[in-house]
Structure formats: C-alpha cells, structure tokens
Amino acid sequence: MKKTLRIKFFAIIALAAFGFGISNAQIRITEVMSQSGKNGTEDWFELTNFGTTGIDITGWKVDDDTFVDSLAVALNGITTIKSGESVIFLDVTDGAPTDTVAFKTFWGSSLDSIQVGYYGGSGVGFGKGGDGVIVFDAEGTEVTRVSFGEATTGSSFYWTYDISLNVVDNGVVSTVGVKDGNIADQVTITSDNAVSNIGSPGTAYINDLFTSNPTNLADDIKSWNLIGKSLQFKQVPAQAIEIYSLTGSKVATHAPASLIELDLNQGIYILKIDGKAHKVIIR
C-alpha cells in the first residue's frame, strides 16, 4: 500500500448488561488519520474500550487492508486500556518512538493525560486513496477492523457504535476537532500557517458506563456524570451546556442545572461544558 503522511475502549468477562460479548469484543477502532496536513505527524489510529473492565493488550498487532495476522506489526508503548479509555497508536516506521512526544505537542494539551503508543514496520501504512485497519490480539484473533475511502487532507475518519457495538457512523470525515480541550478546528502549533488538522484523538469518553467518576479521566470532568440520558452535576456549570454531533452540528443547548435530561438518539456526541469538550455515548 502507498505510504502517506499520518494517520479510541476491552480477560474473559461477561458484559450482558450492556449488550456486549466478552473479553476483546469491547474494543473498537474509533478514529483514524491517514493524510495529515502540512507539518503533521505520521498515520495514527485510536482504540476505545467500551467495556467496564480494563483490557491487557500485550502482544496485540495491527495491519492495514491486507487484514492478515502474519503481516501485522506489534503495538508498543501501551499495555492496558482502561474501562472508558481511548488510546492512540502512532506510525513510527520512518521515525522513532520518541515521536509520540511530538504527536502530543502537535495536537495540544488535550492529550496531556492520553496514552500514545506506536507501531512500525514495512508494508503497514494507510493509503490516502482508501485503506483499512485491523487489530489482532496476542493469539492472532481479530479484535476490530475498519475500512475507509479517499482521505481529506488534514481530517481524520471516525466511527460510532450502537449499544451492541455495531457501527453507526462508518468512516465519516471529521469536520470539528478538539484543541486544548475546547471545541474548535484542530490546528497545528507551528509558525508557518500549517494546514488545519481536524479530529479529536483520545477523547471518546463513555461516562454513562460508570456509577462513579473514573480515575483515568482528567480532573476537570470529574464534577459530572452521564447516567443513561441524565446529565448530573456536582457543581452547576457557569455556562450553558452545548451538545454537538461528531460532524460539528449543534444539536441542543441547555441552561445550567444540577440535572439535565438529554433528548438525544443513541450515538456519540460532544458536550461543551464551561468551555471544555468531552465525547460521550448515549445508549
């Protein structure tokens, strides 16, 4: 496959209460970047743990659209994906593992608490004309795969899932991103007017799976929970709560309150709470 510049949550445990299968079935690919803008980083993709338990990913591998275990390369730098966590894997075929530091700098402080791992190897690269990503566990069993079409320079692809973890939004091109925790077009921090890069790596939090605040999330979002469709605050926000679809359209605005009932269909949304953006899933 042609190599180009660039590229979200799952031990055998039953998860019937949430409609899941077992073990690795709770992991999904939720975002891929296959064509960065100017001065961007290499290809990357996001794995998300939609389950209520952490998953050990030691020995896991990734391949592109050949979808073959024997051609897959190792995922390095991350050993566990916590419940409700999204992590990033960066292609360092033409670089070094230290490039993960540059990746965090590129996308801003919204990635300060996000795990960024890496992979690299001959033959694994995401083509700008369309490609795929597949992840295998340590035994060579497929965990999750996606395919996508022609890339838009500087925009990631994203996937959302229903309560059974079947895909809802399939390889949609991102039109809104998160920078330093705020909803905005994602742009690089450079001095030469680099092409905008749009996406939201590492922010697919699924708060409705928790009865208490998870310790792996940033401190600024521990003052609220999403239980079902009830948005509950320990401290009433100072500003109106805005809700966006992942395509960037505002779908609702709510006055500050300690309890807000959300009238939303199933899917993943971005909540803007006192200037900070957070992804949540509605079941």
Protein backbone atom coordinates (compact mmCIF):
# COMPACT_ATOMS: atom_id res chain seq x y z
CA MET A 1 0.00 0.00 0.00
CA LYS A 2 1.17 3.53 -0.66
CA LYS A 3 2.68 5.09 2.43
CA THR A 4 1.41 8.60 3.17
CA LEU A 5 1.71 11.14 5.94
CA ARG A 6 -0.31 10.33 9.12
CA ILE A 7 -2.94 8.95 10.40
CA LYS A 8 -10.45 5.37 20.65
CA PHE A 9 -12.34 1.34 24.99
CA PHE A 10 -11.54 -4.31 26.13
CA ALA A 11 -9.56 -11.46 30.32
CA ILE A 12 -12.92 -13.15 29.75
CA ILE A 13 -15.76 -11.22 31.50
CA ALA A 14 -19.47 -11.22 30.62
CA LEU A 15 -20.92 -7.80 29.82
CA ALA A 16 -24.51 -8.81 29.06
CA ALA A 17 -25.94 -5.89 30.98
CA PHE A 18 -24.58 -3.60 28.30
CA GLY A 19 -25.28 -5.84 25.33
CA PHE A 20 -21.59 -6.69 24.82
CA GLY A 21 -19.92 -10.01 24.21
CA ILE A 22 -16.83 -10.94 26.16
CA SER A 23 -13.20 -10.00 26.51
CA ASN A 24 -11.74 -8.18 23.50
CA ALA A 25 -15.21 -7.67 21.98
CA GLN A 26 -15.40 -4.43 23.96
CA ILE A 27 -12.60 -2.79 21.95
CA ARG A 28 -13.29 -0.79 18.79
CA ILE A 29 -11.34 1.40 16.39
CA THR A 30 -12.92 4.85 16.72
CA GLU A 31 -10.70 7.19 14.72
CA VAL A 32 -8.03 7.02 12.00
CA MET A 33 -5.83 9.65 10.36
CA SER A 34 -4.37 8.67 7.00
CA GLN A 35 -3.50 12.03 5.46
CA SER A 36 -2.19 14.72 7.79
CA GLY A 37 -1.94 18.34 6.83
CA LYS A 38 1.29 20.23 6.36
CA ASN A 39 3.95 19.60 9.02
CA GLY A 40 1.74 16.96 10.64
CA THR A 41 2.71 13.67 12.20
CA GLU A 42 2.51 10.23 10.62
CA ASP A 43 -0.52 7.91 10.32
CA TRP A 44 -2.35 7.16 13.57
CA PHE A 45 -5.42 5.36 14.83
CA GLU A 46 -7.48 5.30 18.04
CA LEU A 47 -8.72 2.32 20.08
CA THR A 48 -11.58 2.77 22.57
CA ASN A 49 -12.58 0.43 25.42
CA PHE A 50 -16.39 0.43 25.57
CA GLY A 51 -16.49 -2.04 28.46
CA THR A 52 -16.50 -1.81 32.23
CA THR A 53 -13.16 -3.58 32.71
CA GLY A 54 -9.62 -2.80 31.63
CA ILE A 55 -8.04 -4.93 28.90
CA ASP A 56 -4.44 -6.14 28.70
CA ILE A 57 -3.27 -5.60 25.10
CA THR A 58 0.20 -7.08 25.48
CA GLY A 59 1.14 -8.81 22.23
CA TRP A 60 -1.54 -7.12 20.13
CA LYS A 61 -0.77 -6.24 16.50
CA VAL A 62 -2.06 -4.06 13.67
CA ASP A 63 -2.25 -4.45 9.90
CA ASP A 64 -3.71 -2.35 7.10
CA ASP A 65 -6.19 -3.53 4.48
CA THR A 66 -4.45 -6.79 3.73
CA PHE A 67 -6.14 -7.79 7.03
CA VAL A 68 -3.64 -10.62 7.59
CA ASP A 69 -2.26 -11.55 11.01
CA SER A 70 1.04 -12.80 9.63
CA LEU A 71 1.68 -9.38 8.06
CA ALA A 72 0.67 -7.41 11.16
CA VAL A 73 3.17 -5.47 13.30
CA ALA A 74 3.36 -5.08 17.07
CA LEU A 75 1.58 -2.37 19.05
CA ASN A 76 4.08 -0.91 21.52
CA GLY A 77 4.16 1.53 24.41
CA ILE A 78 0.74 0.71 25.90
CA THR A 79 -0.05 -2.46 27.87
CA THR A 80 -3.57 -1.79 29.20
CA ILE A 81 -6.61 0.16 28.00
CA LYS A 82 -8.76 1.13 30.98
CA SER A 83 -12.54 0.98 31.01
CA GLY A 84 -13.85 4.03 29.17
CA GLU A 85 -10.42 4.98 27.85
CA SER A 86 -9.31 5.92 24.35
CA VAL A 87 -5.68 5.49 23.33
CA ILE A 88 -3.66 6.41 20.25
CA PHE A 89 -1.16 4.43 18.24
CA LEU A 90 1.23 6.37 16.00
CA ASP A 91 3.10 5.03 12.98
CA VAL A 92 6.84 5.48 13.54
CA THR A 93 8.04 3.49 10.51
CA ASP A 94 10.03 6.48 9.30
CA GLY A 95 10.75 7.88 12.76
CA ALA A 96 11.28 6.79 16.36
CA PRO A 97 9.16 6.03 19.46
CA THR A 98 10.05 9.50 20.76
CA ASP A 99 7.80 10.86 18.01
CA THR A 100 4.90 10.23 20.40
CA VAL A 101 6.05 13.33 22.29
CA ALA A 102 5.90 15.40 19.12
CA PHE A 103 2.43 13.97 18.42
CA LYS A 104 1.16 15.27 21.78
CA THR A 105 2.71 18.66 21.10
CA PHE A 106 1.10 18.77 17.65
CA TRP A 107 -2.44 18.13 18.98
CA GLY A 108 -2.14 20.31 22.08
CA SER A 109 -2.69 19.90 25.80
CA SER A 110 -5.95 17.94 25.34
CA LEU A 111 -3.63 14.91 25.02
CA ASP A 112 -1.70 15.55 28.23
CA SER A 113 -3.37 12.60 30.02
CA ILE A 114 -3.81 10.38 26.94
CA GLN A 115 -1.71 7.27 26.30
CA VAL A 116 0.08 7.37 22.95
CA GLY A 117 1.75 4.18 21.77
CA TYR A 118 3.43 3.34 18.49
CA TYR A 119 3.90 0.75 15.76
CA GLY A 120 6.04 0.47 12.68
CA GLY A 121 7.05 -1.96 10.00
CA SER A 122 7.42 -2.49 6.30
CA GLY A 123 4.13 -2.76 4.43
CA VAL A 124 1.84 -1.25 7.07
CA GLY A 125 0.76 2.22 6.06
CA PHE A 126 -2.57 3.94 5.45
CA GLY A 127 -3.05 4.99 1.84
CA LYS A 128 -4.64 8.36 1.07
CA GLY A 129 -6.78 6.81 -1.69
CA GLY A 130 -8.53 4.47 0.76
CA ASP A 131 -7.37 1.73 3.10
CA GLY A 132 -8.23 -0.25 6.21
CA VAL A 133 -7.06 -1.03 9.75
CA ILE A 134 -7.31 -4.31 11.64
CA VAL A 135 -6.18 -5.17 15.16
CA PHE A 136 -5.33 -8.69 16.33
CA ASP A 137 -4.88 -9.92 19.89
CA ALA A 138 -1.85 -11.88 21.11
CA GLU A 139 -3.35 -15.15 19.80
CA GLY A 140 -3.87 -13.72 16.32
CA THR A 141 -7.66 -13.39 16.71
CA GLU A 142 -9.26 -10.38 15.06
CA VAL A 143 -10.45 -7.79 17.59
CA THR A 144 -11.71 -4.94 15.41
CA ARG A 145 -11.38 -3.66 11.85
CA VAL A 146 -12.49 -0.67 9.77
CA SER A 147 -12.20 0.43 6.16
CA PHE A 148 -12.24 3.97 4.78
CA GLY A 149 -12.30 5.75 1.47
CA GLU A 150 -10.26 8.55 -0.01
CA ALA A 151 -8.80 10.78 2.68
CA THR A 152 -9.35 14.52 3.06
CA THR A 153 -6.01 16.12 3.83
CA GLY A 154 -5.90 17.21 7.46
CA SER A 155 -9.11 15.44 8.54
CA SER A 156 -9.45 12.16 10.40
CA PHE A 157 -12.10 9.49 9.85
CA TYR A 158 -14.32 8.47 12.78
CA TRP A 159 -16.65 5.57 13.67
CA THR A 160 -19.51 5.46 16.19
CA TYR A 161 -21.31 2.37 17.50
CA ASP A 162 -24.72 1.40 18.86
CA ILE A 163 -25.40 -0.36 22.17
CA SER A 164 -24.44 -3.71 20.62
CA LEU A 165 -21.23 -2.18 19.28
CA ASN A 166 -22.39 -2.36 15.68
CA VAL A 167 -21.14 0.53 13.59
CA VAL A 168 -23.45 3.56 13.22
CA ASP A 169 -21.25 6.21 11.62
CA ASN A 170 -18.90 4.45 9.23
CA GLY A 171 -15.66 6.18 8.26
CA VAL A 172 -17.07 9.71 8.41
CA VAL A 173 -14.66 12.57 7.70
CA SER A 174 -14.23 14.77 10.78
CA THR A 175 -15.28 18.41 10.46
CA VAL A 176 -14.85 19.50 14.08
CA GLY A 177 -12.00 18.80 16.45
CA VAL A 178 -10.73 19.35 19.96
CA LYS A 179 -7.76 21.59 20.73
CA ASP A 180 -6.57 22.12 24.28
CA GLY A 181 -9.89 20.67 25.45
CA ASN A 182 -12.01 23.16 23.50
CA ILE A 183 -14.24 22.52 20.51
CA ALA A 184 -12.51 24.12 17.55
CA ASP A 185 -10.93 23.28 14.25
CA GLN A 186 -7.83 21.33 15.24
CA VAL A 187 -4.77 23.19 14.05
CA THR A 188 -1.10 22.60 14.49
CA ILE A 189 1.01 24.71 16.81
CA THR A 190 3.53 25.97 14.26
CA SER A 191 4.72 29.31 12.93
CA ASP A 192 4.18 28.81 9.20
CA ASN A 193 0.39 28.74 8.87
CA ALA A 194 0.25 24.96 8.63
CA VAL A 195 -2.82 23.36 7.11
CA SER A 196 -5.52 22.78 9.72
CA ASN A 197 -5.84 19.26 11.09
CA ILE A 198 -9.29 18.27 12.32
CA GLY A 199 -10.07 15.43 14.70
CA SER A 200 -10.39 14.56 18.39
CA PRO A 201 -7.80 11.92 19.27
CA GLY A 202 -8.09 10.38 22.72
CA THR A 203 -11.34 11.98 23.84
CA ALA A 204 -14.04 9.32 23.33
CA TYR A 205 -15.09 9.09 26.98
CA ILE A 206 -18.11 6.95 27.77
CA ASN A 207 -19.35 8.31 31.06
CA ASP A 208 -22.73 6.57 31.15
CA LEU A 209 -20.98 3.26 31.88
CA PHE A 210 -19.86 4.48 35.29
CA THR A 211 -21.72 4.85 38.60
CA SER A 212 -18.84 6.89 39.95
CA ASN A 213 -16.28 9.07 38.29
CA PRO A 214 -13.45 7.05 36.73
CA THR A 215 -9.97 7.92 37.92
CA ASN A 216 -8.43 7.82 34.44
CA LEU A 217 -10.23 10.93 33.19
CA ALA A 218 -8.97 14.47 33.52
CA ASP A 219 -9.67 16.33 36.76
CA ASP A 220 -11.81 18.94 35.07
CA ILE A 221 -14.52 16.43 34.10
CA LYS A 222 -14.89 14.73 37.48
CA SER A 223 -17.64 17.12 38.56
CA TRP A 224 -20.27 15.42 36.39
CA ASN A 225 -21.61 12.05 35.27
CA LEU A 226 -23.82 10.84 32.45
CA ILE A 227 -26.13 8.10 33.68
CA GLY A 228 -28.31 6.88 30.82
CA LYS A 229 -29.60 10.15 29.39
CA SER A 230 -29.35 12.07 32.69
CA LEU A 231 -26.51 14.56 32.88
CA GLN A 232 -25.74 15.07 36.58
CA PHE A 233 -23.52 17.77 38.03
CA LYS A 234 -21.95 18.00 41.47
CA GLN A 235 -21.46 21.71 40.78
CA VAL A 236 -23.78 23.60 38.44
CA PRO A 237 -21.85 24.83 35.36
CA ALA A 238 -21.35 28.55 34.93
CA GLN A 239 -22.29 28.48 31.25
CA ALA A 240 -24.96 26.87 29.10
CA ILE A 241 -24.25 23.26 28.10
CA GLU A 242 -23.93 22.82 24.34
CA ILE A 243 -24.20 19.47 22.55
CA TYR A 244 -22.71 18.77 19.14
CA SER A 245 -22.84 15.85 16.75
CA LEU A 246 -19.47 14.49 15.65
CA THR A 247 -19.94 16.26 12.34
CA GLY A 248 -19.85 19.58 14.20
CA SER A 249 -23.56 20.48 14.14
CA LYS A 250 -25.02 21.87 17.37
CA VAL A 251 -27.98 19.66 18.30
CA ALA A 252 -29.01 21.11 21.70
CA THR A 253 -28.35 23.83 24.27
CA HIS A 254 -29.34 23.53 27.96
CA ALA A 255 -29.40 26.18 30.69
CA PRO A 256 -27.09 25.36 33.64
CA ALA A 257 -28.74 22.99 36.15
CA SER A 258 -27.73 20.19 38.50
CA LEU A 259 -29.74 17.63 36.48
CA ILE A 260 -30.41 17.75 32.75
CA GLU A 261 -32.40 15.11 30.87
CA LEU A 262 -31.00 14.79 27.36
CA ASP A 263 -33.36 14.17 24.44
CA LEU A 264 -30.84 12.50 22.14
CA ASN A 265 -30.76 9.43 19.96
CA GLN A 266 -28.20 6.69 20.52
CA GLY A 267 -24.74 7.67 19.41
CA ILE A 268 -21.61 9.59 20.36
CA TYR A 269 -21.79 13.34 20.97
CA ILE A 270 -19.51 16.16 22.05
CA LEU A 271 -20.58 18.05 25.17
CA LYS A 272 -19.23 21.54 25.71
CA ILE A 273 -19.24 22.24 29.46
CA ASP A 274 -17.78 25.53 30.66
CA GLY A 275 -15.58 25.77 27.60
CA LYS A 276 -14.29 22.19 27.74
CA ALA A 277 -15.22 19.50 25.21
CA HIS A 278 -15.92 15.86 26.10
CA LYS A 279 -17.16 12.96 23.99
CA VAL A 280 -19.96 10.83 25.48
CA ILE A 281 -22.07 7.94 24.27
CA ILE A 282 -25.86 7.92 24.54
CA ARG A 283 -27.41 4.44 24.73
